[in-house]
Structures are given as C-alpha cells and as structure tokens.
C-alpha cells in the first residue's frame, strides 16, 4: 500500500514537472514572439524616421526653390520698373523735342 502511494505521488510529481516544462516552453515562445514584434516595430520606426528625413530634405529643397523663384521675381519686377522708367523718360524727351520743334517752327 505504501509503495503504491509513493508511485502515485511520483507520477503526480512527474506530471506536474511535465506541465511546468510545457508552461515554460509556452512562456519562452511568447517572449520570442514579443521580441520579434518589438524588432518589427523598431524596423517600422526606422523606416518612418527615414521617410520623415527624406520629406524634410524635400521640404528644404522646395523652400530653397521658392526662395530662388522669389528672388527671380523680384529682379524681374525691378527690371520691368527700370524699363517703364526708361520709357517714361523717353516719352518725356519726345514731348520736349516736339515742343522745341514746334517752337522753332513757329519762330
């Protein structure tokens, strides 16, 4: 009777150990999957950061381009103003010349 109860106790201890080993395996598998998930999240974050950097570079180049266009427009407007001023002075000279010719013609 005593031996039988010891055997039953041993079997139950072995079953308990097997269950604990199985549980440990599952916990280790869970940790591995969590680590894999973290790795993929890190890779994703690196990709997002890379995309953000390229977007920032693109924005900087676009801003530089816009500044260049702004400068170009300013110089074009300045040139147009100079041309308009030149035309005005030419018209003024023409009027003076016509008035001078008329005055000489009258005399």
PDB file of N, CA and C in Angstrom:
ATOM      1  N   UNK A   1       0.834  -1.209   0.000  1.00  0.00           N
ATOM      2  CA  UNK A   1       0.000   0.000   0.000  1.00  0.00           C
ATOM      3  C   UNK A   1       0.856   1.242   0.000  1.00  0.00           C
ATOM      4  N   UNK A   2       1.923   1.153   0.824  1.00  0.00           N
ATOM      5  CA  UNK A   2       2.831   2.295   0.936  1.00  0.00           C
ATOM      6  C   UNK A   2       3.526   2.561  -0.392  1.00  0.00           C
ATOM      7  N   UNK A   3       4.013   1.490  -1.052  1.00  0.00           N
ATOM      8  CA  UNK A   3       4.731   1.601  -2.311  1.00  0.00           C
ATOM      9  C   UNK A   3       3.822   2.186  -3.382  1.00  0.00           C
ATOM     10  N   UNK A   4       2.565   1.734  -3.353  1.00  0.00           N
ATOM     11  CA  UNK A   4       1.617   2.201  -4.367  1.00  0.00           C
ATOM     12  C   UNK A   4       1.388   3.707  -4.224  1.00  0.00           C
ATOM     13  N   UNK A   5       1.237   4.186  -3.005  1.00  0.00           N
ATOM     14  CA  UNK A   5       1.008   5.621  -2.793  1.00  0.00           C
ATOM     15  C   UNK A   5       2.259   6.422  -3.185  1.00  0.00           C
ATOM     16  N   UNK A   6       3.474   5.867  -2.942  1.00  0.00           N
ATOM     17  CA  UNK A   6       4.708   6.527  -3.358  1.00  0.00           C
ATOM     18  C   UNK A   6       4.768   6.604  -4.876  1.00  0.00           C
ATOM     19  N   UNK A   7       4.382   5.536  -5.575  1.00  0.00           N
ATOM     20  CA  UNK A   7       4.371   5.523  -7.044  1.00  0.00           C
ATOM     21  C   UNK A   7       3.382   6.559  -7.579  1.00  0.00           C
ATOM     22  N   UNK A   8       2.206   6.628  -6.964  1.00  0.00           N
ATOM     23  CA  UNK A   8       1.186   7.605  -7.385  1.00  0.00           C
ATOM     24  C   UNK A   8       1.724   9.018  -7.171  1.00  0.00           C
ATOM     25  N   UNK A   9       2.392   9.212  -6.003  1.00  0.00           N
ATOM     26  CA  UNK A   9       2.975  10.525  -5.717  1.00  0.00           C
ATOM     27  C   UNK A   9       4.046  10.872  -6.742  1.00  0.00           C
ATOM     28  N   UNK A  10       4.905   9.906  -7.083  1.00  0.00           N
ATOM     29  CA  UNK A  10       5.944  10.139  -8.087  1.00  0.00           C
ATOM     30  C   UNK A  10       5.343  10.484  -9.440  1.00  0.00           C
ATOM     31  N   UNK A  11       4.290   9.741  -9.838  1.00  0.00           N
ATOM     32  CA  UNK A  11       3.630  10.021 -11.116  1.00  0.00           C
ATOM     33  C   UNK A  11       3.047  11.429 -11.130  1.00  0.00           C
ATOM     34  N   UNK A  12       2.415  11.802 -10.028  1.00  0.00           N
ATOM     35  CA  UNK A  12       1.811  13.141  -9.993  1.00  0.00           C
ATOM     36  C   UNK A  12       2.902  14.225 -10.023  1.00  0.00           C
ATOM     37  N   UNK A  13       4.059  13.963  -9.355  1.00  0.00           N
ATOM     38  CA  UNK A  13       5.174  14.914  -9.394  1.00  0.00           C
ATOM     39  C   UNK A  13       5.716  15.021 -10.813  1.00  0.00           C
ATOM     40  N   UNK A  14       5.858  13.866 -11.513  1.00  0.00           N
ATOM     41  CA  UNK A  14       6.349  13.857 -12.898  1.00  0.00           C
ATOM     42  C   UNK A  14       5.384  14.613 -13.806  1.00  0.00           C
ATOM     43  N   UNK A  15       4.081  14.382 -13.634  1.00  0.00           N
ATOM     44  CA  UNK A  15       3.082  15.095 -14.429  1.00  0.00           C
ATOM     45  C   UNK A  15       3.154  16.601 -14.177  1.00  0.00           C
ATOM     46  N   UNK A  16       3.355  16.955 -12.891  1.00  0.00           N
ATOM     47  CA  UNK A  16       3.483  18.370 -12.535  1.00  0.00           C
ATOM     48  C   UNK A  16       4.708  18.977 -13.202  1.00  0.00           C
ATOM     49  N   UNK A  17       5.843  18.247 -13.167  1.00  0.00           N
ATOM     50  CA  UNK A  17       7.063  18.732 -13.821  1.00  0.00           C
ATOM     51  C   UNK A  17       6.856  18.885 -15.316  1.00  0.00           C
ATOM     52  N   UNK A  18       6.187  17.882 -15.954  1.00  0.00           N
ATOM     53  CA  UNK A  18       5.905  17.973 -17.385  1.00  0.00           C
ATOM     54  C   UNK A  18       5.058  19.204 -17.691  1.00  0.00           C
ATOM     55  N   UNK A  19       4.057  19.419 -16.878  1.00  0.00           N
ATOM     56  CA  UNK A  19       3.191  20.593 -17.059  1.00  0.00           C
ATOM     57  C   UNK A  19       3.978  21.890 -16.922  1.00  0.00           C
ATOM     58  N   UNK A  20       4.878  21.936 -15.915  1.00  0.00           N
ATOM     59  CA  UNK A  20       5.696  23.138 -15.722  1.00  0.00           C
ATOM     60  C   UNK A  20       6.626  23.373 -16.907  1.00  0.00           C
ATOM     61  N   UNK A  21       7.231  22.271 -17.433  1.00  0.00           N
ATOM     62  CA  UNK A  21       8.114  22.384 -18.596  1.00  0.00           C
ATOM     63  C   UNK A  21       7.329  22.900 -19.807  1.00  0.00           C
ATOM     64  N   UNK A  22       6.141  22.370 -20.005  1.00  0.00           N
ATOM     65  CA  UNK A  22       5.288  22.800 -21.118  1.00  0.00           C
ATOM     66  C   UNK A  22       4.943  24.286 -20.966  1.00  0.00           C
ATOM     67  N   UNK A  23       4.619  24.688 -19.733  1.00  0.00           N
ATOM     68  CA  UNK A  23       4.296  26.093 -19.453  1.00  0.00           C
ATOM     69  C   UNK A  23       5.503  26.984 -19.734  1.00  0.00           C
ATOM     70  N   UNK A  24       6.706  26.529 -19.303  1.00  0.00           N
ATOM     71  CA  UNK A  24       7.929  27.289 -19.568  1.00  0.00           C
ATOM     72  C   UNK A  24       8.172  27.445 -21.062  1.00  0.00           C
ATOM     73  N   UNK A  25       7.958  26.338 -21.810  1.00  0.00           N
ATOM     74  CA  UNK A  25       8.127  26.413 -23.262  1.00  0.00           C
ATOM     75  C   UNK A  25       7.190  27.453 -23.861  1.00  0.00           C
ATOM     76  N   UNK A  26       5.936  27.448 -23.404  1.00  0.00           N
ATOM     77  CA  UNK A  26       4.965  28.415 -23.921  1.00  0.00           C
ATOM     78  C   UNK A  26       5.364  29.845 -23.568  1.00  0.00           C
ATOM     79  N   UNK A  27       5.842  30.038 -22.337  1.00  0.00           N
ATOM     80  CA  UNK A  27       6.281  31.375 -21.910  1.00  0.00           C
ATOM     81  C   UNK A  27       7.463  31.837 -22.755  1.00  0.00           C
ATOM     82  N   UNK A  28       8.425  30.925 -22.999  1.00  0.00           N
ATOM     83  CA  UNK A  28       9.594  31.257 -23.832  1.00  0.00           C
ATOM     84  C   UNK A  28       9.150  31.597 -25.254  1.00  0.00           C
ATOM     85  N   UNK A  29       8.203  30.804 -25.792  1.00  0.00           N
ATOM     86  CA  UNK A  29       7.669  31.101 -27.124  1.00  0.00           C
ATOM     87  C   UNK A  29       7.001  32.471 -27.164  1.00  0.00           C
ATOM     88  N   UNK A  30       6.272  32.797 -26.096  1.00  0.00           N
ATOM     89  CA  UNK A  30       5.620  34.108 -26.009  1.00  0.00           C
ATOM     90  C   UNK A  30       6.663  35.217 -25.996  1.00  0.00           C
ATOM     91  N   UNK A  31       7.706  35.049 -25.196  1.00  0.00           N
ATOM     92  CA  UNK A  31       8.787  36.042 -25.157  1.00  0.00           C
ATOM     93  C   UNK A  31       9.428  36.210 -26.530  1.00  0.00           C
ATOM     94  N   UNK A  32       9.672  35.077 -27.208  1.00  0.00           N
ATOM     95  CA  UNK A  32      10.274  35.157 -28.540  1.00  0.00           C
ATOM     96  C   UNK A  32       9.391  35.930 -29.504  1.00  0.00           C
ATOM     97  N   UNK A  33       8.081  35.651 -29.450  1.00  0.00           N
ATOM     98  CA  UNK A  33       7.172  36.357 -30.353  1.00  0.00           C
ATOM     99  C   UNK A  33       7.104  37.839 -29.997  1.00  0.00           C
ATOM    100  N   UNK A  34       7.151  38.170 -28.692  1.00  0.00           N
ATOM    101  CA  UNK A  34       7.155  39.580 -28.277  1.00  0.00           C
ATOM    102  C   UNK A  34       8.425  40.270 -28.772  1.00  0.00           C
ATOM    103  N   UNK A  35       9.581  39.581 -28.663  1.00  0.00           N
ATOM    104  CA  UNK A  35      10.846  40.152 -29.142  1.00  0.00           C
ATOM    105  C   UNK A  35      10.801  40.356 -30.656  1.00  0.00           C
ATOM    106  N   UNK A  36      10.238  39.372 -31.380  1.00  0.00           N
ATOM    107  CA  UNK A  36      10.082  39.531 -32.828  1.00  0.00           C
ATOM    108  C   UNK A  36       9.197  40.712 -33.168  1.00  0.00           C
ATOM    109  N   UNK A  37       8.113  40.876 -32.409  1.00  0.00           N
ATOM    110  CA  UNK A  37       7.208  42.010 -32.618  1.00  0.00           C
ATOM    111  C   UNK A  37       7.934  43.325 -32.373  1.00  0.00           C
ATOM    112  N   UNK A  38       8.720  43.381 -31.300  1.00  0.00           N
ATOM    113  CA  UNK A  38       9.479  44.598 -30.998  1.00  0.00           C
ATOM    114  C   UNK A  38      10.484  44.904 -32.112  1.00  0.00           C
ATOM    115  N   UNK A  39      11.131  43.856 -32.626  1.00  0.00           N
ATOM    116  CA  UNK A  39      12.080  44.066 -33.729  1.00  0.00           C
ATOM    117  C   UNK A  39      11.381  44.643 -34.951  1.00  0.00           C
ATOM    118  N   UNK A  40      10.228  44.082 -35.292  1.00  0.00           N
ATOM    119  CA  UNK A  40       9.500  44.583 -36.465  1.00  0.00           C
ATOM    120  C   UNK A  40       9.024  46.016 -36.229  1.00  0.00           C
ATOM    121  N   UNK A  41       8.618  46.335 -34.997  1.00  0.00           N
ATOM    122  CA  UNK A  41       8.209  47.704 -34.675  1.00  0.00           C
ATOM    123  C   UNK A  41       9.394  48.656 -34.827  1.00  0.00           C
ATOM    124  N   UNK A  42      10.589  48.217 -34.374  1.00  0.00           N
ATOM    125  CA  UNK A  42      11.788  49.052 -34.498  1.00  0.00           C
ATOM    126  C   UNK A  42      12.125  49.277 -35.975  1.00  0.00           C
ATOM    127  N   UNK A  43      12.025  48.209 -36.784  1.00  0.00           N
ATOM    128  CA  UNK A  43      12.285  48.344 -38.218  1.00  0.00           C
ATOM    129  C   UNK A  43      11.303  49.324 -38.846  1.00  0.00           C
ATOM    130  N   UNK A  44      10.023  49.196 -38.444  1.00  0.00           N
ATOM    131  CA  UNK A  44       8.989  50.096 -38.960  1.00  0.00           C
ATOM    132  C   UNK A  44       9.285  51.542 -38.567  1.00  0.00           C
ATOM    133  N   UNK A  45       9.683  51.741 -37.300  1.00  0.00           N
ATOM    134  CA  UNK A  45      10.002  53.101 -36.841  1.00  0.00           C
ATOM    135  C   UNK A  45      11.199  53.670 -37.597  1.00  0.00           C
ATOM    136  N   UNK A  46      12.202  52.831 -37.859  1.00  0.00           N
ATOM    137  CA  UNK A  46      13.350  53.292 -38.640  1.00  0.00           C
ATOM    138  C   UNK A  46      12.915  53.730 -40.030  1.00  0.00           C
ATOM    139  N   UNK A  47      12.036  52.936 -40.651  1.00  0.00           N
ATOM    140  CA  UNK A  47      11.522  53.299 -41.968  1.00  0.00           C
ATOM    141  C   UNK A  47      10.766  54.618 -41.939  1.00  0.00           C
ATOM    142  N   UNK A  48       9.924  54.780 -40.902  1.00  0.00           N
ATOM    143  CA  UNK A  48       9.145  56.026 -40.766  1.00  0.00           C
ATOM    144  C   UNK A  48      10.082  57.211 -40.575  1.00  0.00           C
ATOM    145  N   UNK A  49      11.123  57.025 -39.733  1.00  0.00           N
ATOM    146  CA  UNK A  49      12.082  58.107 -39.492  1.00  0.00           C
ATOM    147  C   UNK A  49      12.824  58.454 -40.788  1.00  0.00           C
ATOM    148  N   UNK A  50      13.203  57.413 -41.551  1.00  0.00           N
ATOM    149  CA  UNK A  50      13.858  57.651 -42.844  1.00  0.00           C
ATOM    150  C   UNK A  50      12.961  58.428 -43.793  1.00  0.00           C
ATOM    151  N   UNK A  51      11.671  58.049 -43.825  1.00  0.00           N
ATOM    152  CA  UNK A  51      10.724  58.762 -44.683  1.00  0.00           C
ATOM    153  C   UNK A  51      10.590  60.214 -44.237  1.00  0.00           C
ATOM    154  N   UNK A  52      10.509  60.439 -42.918  1.00  0.00           N
ATOM    155  CA  UNK A  52      10.390  61.803 -42.408  1.00  0.00           C
ATOM    156  C   UNK A  52      11.620  62.633 -42.771  1.00  0.00           C
ATOM    157  N   UNK A  53      12.806  62.011 -42.673  1.00  0.00           N
ATOM    158  CA  UNK A  53      14.033  62.727 -43.052  1.00  0.00           C
ATOM    159  C   UNK A  53      13.998  63.118 -44.521  1.00  0.00           C
ATOM    160  N   UNK A  54      13.583  62.170 -45.387  1.00  0.00           N
ATOM    161  CA  UNK A  54      13.534  62.491 -46.820  1.00  0.00           C
ATOM    162  C   UNK A  54      12.494  63.571 -47.099  1.00  0.00           C
ATOM    163  N   UNK A  55      11.373  63.541 -46.355  1.00  0.00           N
ATOM    164  CA  UNK A  55      10.350  64.587 -46.515  1.00  0.00           C
ATOM    165  C   UNK A  55      10.915  65.936 -46.092  1.00  0.00           C
ATOM    166  N   UNK A  56      11.684  65.942 -44.970  1.00  0.00           N
ATOM    167  CA  UNK A  56      12.286  67.193 -44.516  1.00  0.00           C
ATOM    168  C   UNK A  56      13.268  67.735 -45.561  1.00  0.00           C
ATOM    169  N   UNK A  57      14.083  66.826 -46.132  1.00  0.00           N
ATOM    170  CA  UNK A  57      15.038  67.239 -47.171  1.00  0.00           C
ATOM    171  C   UNK A  57      14.285  67.814 -48.368  1.00  0.00           C
ATOM    172  N   UNK A  58      13.198  67.135 -48.762  1.00  0.00           N
ATOM    173  CA  UNK A  58      12.395  67.615 -49.892  1.00  0.00           C
ATOM    174  C   UNK A  58      11.806  68.993 -49.585  1.00  0.00           C
ATOM    175  N   UNK A  59      11.308  69.155 -48.344  1.00  0.00           N
ATOM    176  CA  UNK A  59      10.737  70.452 -47.957  1.00  0.00           C
ATOM    177  C   UNK A  59      11.796  71.543 -47.999  1.00  0.00           C
ATOM    178  N   UNK A  60      12.996  71.223 -47.511  1.00  0.00           N
ATOM    179  CA  UNK A  60      14.077  72.215 -47.549  1.00  0.00           C
ATOM    180  C   UNK A  60      14.408  72.608 -48.982  1.00  0.00           C
ATOM    181  N   UNK A  61      14.479  71.611 -49.881  1.00  0.00           N
ATOM    182  CA  UNK A  61      14.805  71.923 -51.276  1.00  0.00           C
ATOM    183  C   UNK A  61      13.683  72.730 -51.917  1.00  0.00           C
ATOM    184  N   UNK A  62      12.417  72.397 -51.575  1.00  0.00           N
ATOM    185  CA  UNK A  62      11.282  73.160 -52.110  1.00  0.00           C
ATOM    186  C   UNK A  62      11.324  74.598 -51.600  1.00  0.00           C
ATOM    187  N   UNK A  63      11.649  74.762 -50.300  1.00  0.00           N
ATOM    188  CA  UNK A  63      11.744  76.114 -49.729  1.00  0.00           C
ATOM    189  C   UNK A  63      12.862  76.899 -50.411  1.00  0.00           C
ATOM    190  N   UNK A  64      13.999  76.234 -50.645  1.00  0.00           N
ATOM    191  CA  UNK A  64      15.096  76.888 -51.356  1.00  0.00           C
ATOM    192  C   UNK A  64      14.694  77.287 -52.765  1.00  0.00           C
ATOM    193  N   UNK A  65      13.979  76.381 -53.436  1.00  0.00           N
ATOM    194  CA  UNK A  65      13.490  76.680 -54.785  1.00  0.00           C
ATOM    195  C   UNK A  65      12.542  77.872 -54.767  1.00  0.00           C
ATOM    196  N   UNK A  66      11.635  77.905 -53.788  1.00  0.00           N
ATOM    197  CA  UNK A  66      10.689  79.025 -53.685  1.00  0.00           C
ATOM    198  C   UNK A  66      11.420  80.333 -53.423  1.00  0.00           C
ATOM    199  N   UNK A  67      12.465  80.283 -52.582  1.00  0.00           N
ATOM    200  CA  UNK A  67      13.257  81.489 -52.331  1.00  0.00           C
ATOM    201  C   UNK A  67      13.920  81.975 -53.615  1.00  0.00           C
ATOM    202  N   UNK A  68      14.460  81.015 -54.390  1.00  0.00           N
ATOM    203  CA  UNK A  68      15.081  81.373 -55.670  1.00  0.00           C
ATOM    204  C   UNK A  68      14.078  82.007 -56.618  1.00  0.00           C
ATOM    205  N   UNK A  69      12.875  81.426 -56.684  1.00  0.00           N
ATOM    206  CA  UNK A  69      11.817  81.970 -57.539  1.00  0.00           C
ATOM    207  C   UNK A  69      11.432  83.375 -57.078  1.00  0.00           C
ATOM    208  N   UNK A  70      11.368  83.547 -55.751  1.00  0.00           N
ATOM    209  CA  UNK A  70      11.034  84.862 -55.186  1.00  0.00           C
ATOM    210  C   UNK A  70      12.084  85.906 -55.595  1.00  0.00           C
ATOM    211  N   UNK A  71      13.350  85.521 -55.464  1.00  0.00           N
ATOM    212  CA  UNK A  71      14.428  86.430 -55.875  1.00  0.00           C
ATOM    213  C   UNK A  71      14.363  86.751 -57.354  1.00  0.00           C
ATOM    214  N   UNK A  72      14.073  85.708 -58.156  1.00  0.00           N
ATOM    215  CA  UNK A  72      13.950  85.913 -59.600  1.00  0.00           C
ATOM    216  C   UNK A  72      12.812  86.876 -59.912  1.00  0.00           C
ATOM    217  N   UNK A  73      11.662  86.681 -59.256  1.00  0.00           N
ATOM    218  CA  UNK A  73      10.518  87.573 -59.477  1.00  0.00           C
ATOM    219  C   UNK A  73      10.863  89.006 -59.079  1.00  0.00           C
ATOM    220  N   UNK A  74      11.565  89.154 -57.956  1.00  0.00           N
ATOM    221  CA  UNK A  74      11.966  90.499 -57.527  1.00  0.00           C
ATOM    222  C   UNK A  74      12.846  91.174 -58.579  1.00  0.00           C
ATOM    223  N   UNK A  75      13.815  90.413 -59.114  1.00  0.00           N
ATOM    224  CA  UNK A  75      14.717  91.007 -60.114  1.00  0.00           C
ATOM    225  C   UNK A  75      13.950  91.323 -61.401  1.00  0.00           C
ATOM    226  N   UNK A  76      12.989  90.455 -61.786  1.00  0.00           N
ATOM    227  CA  UNK A  76      12.183  90.715 -62.981  1.00  0.00           C
ATOM    228  C   UNK A  76      11.343  91.971 -62.787  1.00  0.00           C
ATOM    229  N   UNK A  77      10.729  92.108 -61.587  1.00  0.00           N
ATOM    230  CA  UNK A  77       9.910  93.291 -61.305  1.00  0.00           C
ATOM    231  C   UNK A  77      10.781  94.549 -61.314  1.00  0.00           C
ATOM    232  N   UNK A  78      11.992  94.437 -60.729  1.00  0.00           N
ATOM    233  CA  UNK A  78      12.911  95.579 -60.755  1.00  0.00           C
ATOM    234  C   UNK A  78      13.290  95.969 -62.180  1.00  0.00           C
ATOM    235  N   UNK A  79      13.551  94.953 -63.023  1.00  0.00           N
ATOM    236  CA  UNK A  79      13.889  95.223 -64.424  1.00  0.00           C
ATOM    237  C   UNK A  79      12.715  95.882 -65.138  1.00  0.00           C
ATOM    238  N   UNK A  80      11.505  95.388 -64.891  1.00  0.00           N
ATOM    239  CA  UNK A  80      10.322  95.989 -65.511  1.00  0.00           C
ATOM    240  C   UNK A  80      10.153  97.435 -65.079  1.00  0.00           C
ATOM    241  N   UNK A  81      10.382  97.713 -63.806  1.00  0.00           N
ATOM    242  CA  UNK A  81      10.283  99.096 -63.315  1.00  0.00           C
ATOM    243  C   UNK A  81      11.296  99.992 -64.020  1.00  0.00           C
ATOM    244  N   UNK A  82      12.522  99.468 -64.184  1.00  0.00           N
ATOM    245  CA  UNK A  82      13.555 100.246 -64.884  1.00  0.00           C
ATOM    246  C   UNK A  82      13.148 100.518 -66.326  1.00  0.00           C
ATOM    247  N   UNK A  83      12.601  99.484 -66.998  1.00  0.00           N
ATOM    248  CA  UNK A  83      12.170  99.635 -68.389  1.00  0.00           C
ATOM    249  C   UNK A  83      11.053 100.679 -68.471  1.00  0.00           C
ATOM    250  N   UNK A  84      10.089 100.589 -67.525  1.00  0.00           N
ATOM    251  CA  UNK A  84       8.985 101.563 -67.513  1.00  0.00           C
ATOM    252  C   UNK A  84       9.523 102.972 -67.276  1.00  0.00           C
ATOM    253  N   UNK A  85      10.461 103.114 -66.348  1.00  0.00           N
ATOM    254  CA  UNK A  85      11.069 104.422 -66.104  1.00  0.00           C
ATOM    255  C   UNK A  85      11.786 104.948 -67.336  1.00  0.00           C
ATOM    256  N   UNK A  86      12.494 104.052 -68.042  1.00  0.00           N
ATOM    257  CA  UNK A  86      13.186 104.439 -69.268  1.00  0.00           C
ATOM    258  C   UNK A  86      12.190 104.912 -70.327  1.00  0.00           C
ATOM    259  N   UNK A  87      11.109 104.149 -70.476  1.00  0.00           N
ATOM    260  CA  UNK A  87      10.071 104.532 -71.445  1.00  0.00           C
ATOM    261  C   UNK A  87       9.468 105.894 -71.091  1.00  0.00           C
ATOM    262  N   UNK A  88       9.191 106.131 -69.814  1.00  0.00           N
ATOM    263  CA  UNK A  88       8.632 107.417 -69.382  1.00  0.00           C
ATOM    264  C   UNK A  88       9.576 108.564 -69.714  1.00  0.00           C
ATOM    265  N   UNK A  89      10.866 108.336 -69.412  1.00  0.00           N
ATOM    266  CA  UNK A  89      11.829 109.410 -69.694  1.00  0.00           C
ATOM    267  C   UNK A  89      11.954 109.646 -71.199  1.00  0.00           C
ATOM    268  N   UNK A  90      11.865 108.556 -72.009  1.00  0.00           N
ATOM    269  CA  UNK A  90      11.912 108.713 -73.465  1.00  0.00           C
ATOM    270  C   UNK A  90      10.701 109.498 -73.963  1.00  0.00           C
ATOM    271  N   UNK A  91       9.500 109.174 -73.410  1.00  0.00           N
ATOM    272  CA  UNK A  91       8.291 109.900 -73.794  1.00  0.00           C
ATOM    273  C   UNK A  91       8.428 111.378 -73.416  1.00  0.00           C
ATOM    274  N   UNK A  92       8.981 111.610 -72.223  1.00  0.00           N
ATOM    275  CA  UNK A  92       9.197 112.988 -71.762  1.00  0.00           C
ATOM    276  C   UNK A  92      10.141 113.727 -72.719  1.00  0.00           C
ATOM    277  N   UNK A  93      11.238 113.065 -73.112  1.00  0.00           N
ATOM    278  CA  UNK A  93      12.189 113.669 -74.055  1.00  0.00           C
ATOM    279  C   UNK A  93      11.525 113.932 -75.397  1.00  0.00           C
ATOM    280  N   UNK A  94      10.690 112.999 -75.866  1.00  0.00           N
ATOM    281  CA  UNK A  94       9.981 113.185 -77.125  1.00  0.00           C
ATOM    282  C   UNK A  94       9.065 114.403 -77.067  1.00  0.00           C
ATOM    283  N   UNK A  95       8.345 114.553 -75.946  1.00  0.00           N
ATOM    284  CA  UNK A  95       7.461 115.718 -75.788  1.00  0.00           C
ATOM    285  C   UNK A  95       8.249 117.022 -75.835  1.00  0.00           C
ATOM    286  N   UNK A  96       9.367 117.002 -75.090  1.00  0.00           N
ATOM    287  CA  UNK A  96      10.206 118.211 -75.072  1.00  0.00           C
ATOM    288  C   UNK A  96      10.713 118.514 -76.478  1.00  0.00           C
ATOM    289  N   UNK A  97      11.142 117.450 -77.195  1.00  0.00           N
ATOM    290  CA  UNK A  97      11.654 117.633 -78.567  1.00  0.00           C
ATOM    291  C   UNK A  97      10.562 118.172 -79.487  1.00  0.00           C
ATOM    292  N   UNK A  98       9.345 117.594 -79.384  1.00  0.00           N
ATOM    293  CA  UNK A  98       8.231 118.056 -80.221  1.00  0.00           C
ATOM    294  C   UNK A  98       7.909 119.508 -79.911  1.00  0.00           C
ATOM    295  N   UNK A  99       7.879 119.849 -78.627  1.00  0.00           N
ATOM    296  CA  UNK A  99       7.600 121.235 -78.230  1.00  0.00           C
ATOM    297  C   UNK A  99       8.686 122.170 -78.756  1.00  0.00           C
ATOM    298  N   UNK A 100       9.945 121.700 -78.694  1.00  0.00           N
ATOM    299  CA  UNK A 100      11.062 122.513 -79.180  1.00  0.00           C
ATOM    300  C   UNK A 100      10.953 122.738 -80.690  1.00  0.00           C
ATOM    301  N   UNK A 101      10.626 121.640 -81.437  1.00  0.00           N
ATOM    302  CA  UNK A 101      10.471 121.737 -82.902  1.00  0.00           C
ATOM    303  C   UNK A 101       9.331 122.693 -83.256  1.00  0.00           C
ATOM    304  N   UNK A 102       8.189 122.587 -82.505  1.00  0.00           N
ATOM    305  CA  UNK A 102       7.062 123.472 -82.746  1.00  0.00           C
ATOM    306  C   UNK A 102       7.468 124.933 -82.507  1.00  0.00           C
ATOM    307  N   UNK A 103       8.166 125.114 -81.377  1.00  0.00           N
ATOM    308  CA  UNK A 103       8.580 126.498 -81.047  1.00  0.00           C
ATOM    309  C   UNK A 103       9.504 127.041 -82.121  1.00  0.00           C
ATOM    310  N   UNK A 104      10.430 126.206 -82.602  1.00  0.00           N
ATOM    311  CA  UNK A 104      11.334 126.658 -83.669  1.00  0.00           C
ATOM    312  C   UNK A 104      10.579 126.892 -84.972  1.00  0.00           C
ATOM    313  N   UNK A 105       9.595 126.016 -85.241  1.00  0.00           N
ATOM    314  CA  UNK A 105       8.796 126.150 -86.450  1.00  0.00           C
ATOM    315  C   UNK A 105       7.978 127.425 -86.440  1.00  0.00           C
ATOM    316  N   UNK A 106       7.463 127.763 -85.263  1.00  0.00           N
ATOM    317  CA  UNK A 106       6.670 128.998 -85.148  1.00  0.00           C
ATOM    318  C   UNK A 106       7.563 130.184 -85.363  1.00  0.00           C
ATOM    319  N   UNK A 107       8.764 130.153 -84.795  1.00  0.00           N
ATOM    320  CA  UNK A 107       9.717 131.250 -84.968  1.00  0.00           C
ATOM    321  C   UNK A 107      10.244 131.211 -86.391  1.00  0.00           C
TER     322      UNK A 107
END
